[in-house]
């Protein structure tokens, strides 16, 4: 069995922000980066495509031609709880 893991493209969030499960937008480099990923994926045939339900992940899957990925909450990024959308340096240890 061969598994290919792909992380979403860059997000439009200030550096140092803990965004975890927050559904943040993708940055303006999305098309360029997604096109590179799409090209790399075309060399393989996949039996199934699984995807985090976050829009940044679904958007990449659809851009790459996988219109109906299997959404799986187990693929969500870590939930930072009270730290979500806070600057790492301002979080009290």
C-alpha atoms as a PDB file:
ATOM      1  CA  UNK A   1       0.000   0.000   0.000  1.00  0.00           C
ATOM      2  CA  UNK A   2       1.295   3.427  -0.890  1.00  0.00           C
ATOM      3  CA  UNK A   3       0.037   6.548   0.894  1.00  0.00           C
ATOM      4  CA  UNK A   4       0.664  10.117  -0.218  1.00  0.00           C
ATOM      5  CA  UNK A   5       0.226  12.872   2.367  1.00  0.00           C
ATOM      6  CA  UNK A   6      -0.200  16.487   1.319  1.00  0.00           C
ATOM      7  CA  UNK A   7      -0.564  19.483   3.566  1.00  0.00           C
ATOM      8  CA  UNK A   8      -2.652  22.459   2.501  1.00  0.00           C
ATOM      9  CA  UNK A   9      -0.971  25.460   0.884  1.00  0.00           C
ATOM     10  CA  UNK A  10       0.034  28.628   2.755  1.00  0.00           C
ATOM     11  CA  UNK A  11      -2.672  30.443   4.672  1.00  0.00           C
ATOM     12  CA  UNK A  12      -3.416  34.154   4.935  1.00  0.00           C
ATOM     13  CA  UNK A  13      -2.627  34.476   8.641  1.00  0.00           C
ATOM     14  CA  UNK A  14       0.002  36.611  10.319  1.00  0.00           C
ATOM     15  CA  UNK A  15       3.176  34.640  11.158  1.00  0.00           C
ATOM     16  CA  UNK A  16       3.148  33.251  14.681  1.00  0.00           C
ATOM     17  CA  UNK A  17      -0.636  32.849  14.938  1.00  0.00           C
ATOM     18  CA  UNK A  18      -1.924  29.504  16.268  1.00  0.00           C
ATOM     19  CA  UNK A  19      -4.679  28.774  13.764  1.00  0.00           C
ATOM     20  CA  UNK A  20      -5.075  24.978  14.127  1.00  0.00           C
ATOM     21  CA  UNK A  21      -8.727  24.129  13.424  1.00  0.00           C
ATOM     22  CA  UNK A  22      -9.816  27.684  12.657  1.00  0.00           C
ATOM     23  CA  UNK A  23     -11.073  27.830   9.091  1.00  0.00           C
ATOM     24  CA  UNK A  24      -8.654  30.494   7.850  1.00  0.00           C
ATOM     25  CA  UNK A  25      -8.353  31.645   4.221  1.00  0.00           C
ATOM     26  CA  UNK A  26      -5.547  30.676   1.876  1.00  0.00           C
ATOM     27  CA  UNK A  27      -3.038  33.270   0.785  1.00  0.00           C
ATOM     28  CA  UNK A  28      -2.584  34.668  -2.709  1.00  0.00           C
ATOM     29  CA  UNK A  29       0.056  32.068  -3.643  1.00  0.00           C
ATOM     30  CA  UNK A  30      -2.621  29.335  -3.646  1.00  0.00           C
ATOM     31  CA  UNK A  31      -2.967  28.947  -7.423  1.00  0.00           C
ATOM     32  CA  UNK A  32       0.771  28.760  -8.035  1.00  0.00           C
ATOM     33  CA  UNK A  33       1.432  26.247  -5.250  1.00  0.00           C
ATOM     34  CA  UNK A  34      -1.704  24.217  -5.987  1.00  0.00           C
ATOM     35  CA  UNK A  35      -0.741  23.951  -9.659  1.00  0.00           C
ATOM     36  CA  UNK A  36       2.635  22.497  -8.642  1.00  0.00           C
ATOM     37  CA  UNK A  37       0.928  19.953  -6.354  1.00  0.00           C
ATOM     38  CA  UNK A  38      -1.662  19.072  -9.019  1.00  0.00           C
ATOM     39  CA  UNK A  39       1.116  18.396 -11.522  1.00  0.00           C
ATOM     40  CA  UNK A  40       2.929  16.099  -9.063  1.00  0.00           C
ATOM     41  CA  UNK A  41      -0.275  14.166  -8.293  1.00  0.00           C
ATOM     42  CA  UNK A  42      -1.004  13.428 -11.955  1.00  0.00           C
ATOM     43  CA  UNK A  43       1.757  10.802 -12.132  1.00  0.00           C
ATOM     44  CA  UNK A  44      -0.144   8.453  -9.787  1.00  0.00           C
ATOM     45  CA  UNK A  45      -3.598   6.883  -9.716  1.00  0.00           C
ATOM     46  CA  UNK A  46      -5.293   6.917  -6.318  1.00  0.00           C
ATOM     47  CA  UNK A  47      -7.931   4.482  -5.067  1.00  0.00           C
ATOM     48  CA  UNK A  48      -9.300   7.014  -2.589  1.00  0.00           C
ATOM     49  CA  UNK A  49      -8.783  10.635  -1.610  1.00  0.00           C
ATOM     50  CA  UNK A  50      -9.252  11.545   2.052  1.00  0.00           C
ATOM     51  CA  UNK A  51      -9.339  15.132   3.201  1.00  0.00           C
ATOM     52  CA  UNK A  52      -9.735  17.267   6.291  1.00  0.00           C
ATOM     53  CA  UNK A  53     -13.122  19.056   6.241  1.00  0.00           C
ATOM     54  CA  UNK A  54     -11.415  22.459   6.580  1.00  0.00           C
ATOM     55  CA  UNK A  55     -11.994  24.640   3.519  1.00  0.00           C
ATOM     56  CA  UNK A  56      -8.250  25.125   2.913  1.00  0.00           C
ATOM     57  CA  UNK A  57      -7.897  21.371   2.436  1.00  0.00           C
ATOM     58  CA  UNK A  58     -11.086  20.817   0.451  1.00  0.00           C
ATOM     59  CA  UNK A  59     -10.170  23.687  -1.890  1.00  0.00           C
ATOM     60  CA  UNK A  60      -6.808  22.098  -2.654  1.00  0.00           C
ATOM     61  CA  UNK A  61      -8.346  18.667  -3.260  1.00  0.00           C
ATOM     62  CA  UNK A  62     -10.912  20.137  -5.661  1.00  0.00           C
ATOM     63  CA  UNK A  63      -8.299  22.230  -7.452  1.00  0.00           C
ATOM     64  CA  UNK A  64      -6.308  19.047  -8.028  1.00  0.00           C
ATOM     65  CA  UNK A  65      -9.332  17.403  -9.641  1.00  0.00           C
ATOM     66  CA  UNK A  66     -10.738  15.461  -6.702  1.00  0.00           C
ATOM     67  CA  UNK A  67     -14.235  16.936  -6.562  1.00  0.00           C
ATOM     68  CA  UNK A  68     -15.598  14.619  -3.890  1.00  0.00           C
ATOM     69  CA  UNK A  69     -12.846  13.740  -1.415  1.00  0.00           C
ATOM     70  CA  UNK A  70     -13.819  11.660   1.590  1.00  0.00           C
ATOM     71  CA  UNK A  71     -13.969  14.158   4.449  1.00  0.00           C
ATOM     72  CA  UNK A  72     -12.515  12.788   7.653  1.00  0.00           C
ATOM     73  CA  UNK A  73     -12.427  14.784  10.906  1.00  0.00           C
ATOM     74  CA  UNK A  74      -9.475  12.694  12.076  1.00  0.00           C
ATOM     75  CA  UNK A  75      -7.372  14.639   9.579  1.00  0.00           C
ATOM     76  CA  UNK A  76      -8.107  18.000  11.222  1.00  0.00           C
ATOM     77  CA  UNK A  77      -5.138  19.901  12.566  1.00  0.00           C
ATOM     78  CA  UNK A  78      -4.697  20.184  16.313  1.00  0.00           C
ATOM     79  CA  UNK A  79      -7.251  22.298  18.151  1.00  0.00           C
ATOM     80  CA  UNK A  80      -5.368  24.944  20.131  1.00  0.00           C
ATOM     81  CA  UNK A  81      -8.407  25.618  22.341  1.00  0.00           C
ATOM     82  CA  UNK A  82      -7.987  28.987  24.079  1.00  0.00           C
ATOM     83  CA  UNK A  83      -4.843  29.556  22.014  1.00  0.00           C
ATOM     84  CA  UNK A  84      -6.681  29.442  18.661  1.00  0.00           C
ATOM     85  CA  UNK A  85      -5.977  32.613  16.644  1.00  0.00           C
ATOM     86  CA  UNK A  86      -3.606  33.984  19.286  1.00  0.00           C
ATOM     87  CA  UNK A  87       0.013  35.011  18.761  1.00  0.00           C
ATOM     88  CA  UNK A  88       2.354  32.320  20.100  1.00  0.00           C
ATOM     89  CA  UNK A  89       4.590  34.859  21.846  1.00  0.00           C
ATOM     90  CA  UNK A  90       1.648  36.284  23.817  1.00  0.00           C
ATOM     91  CA  UNK A  91       0.551  32.951  25.239  1.00  0.00           C
ATOM     92  CA  UNK A  92       1.548  32.662  28.888  1.00  0.00           C
ATOM     93  CA  UNK A  93       3.503  29.480  29.548  1.00  0.00           C
END
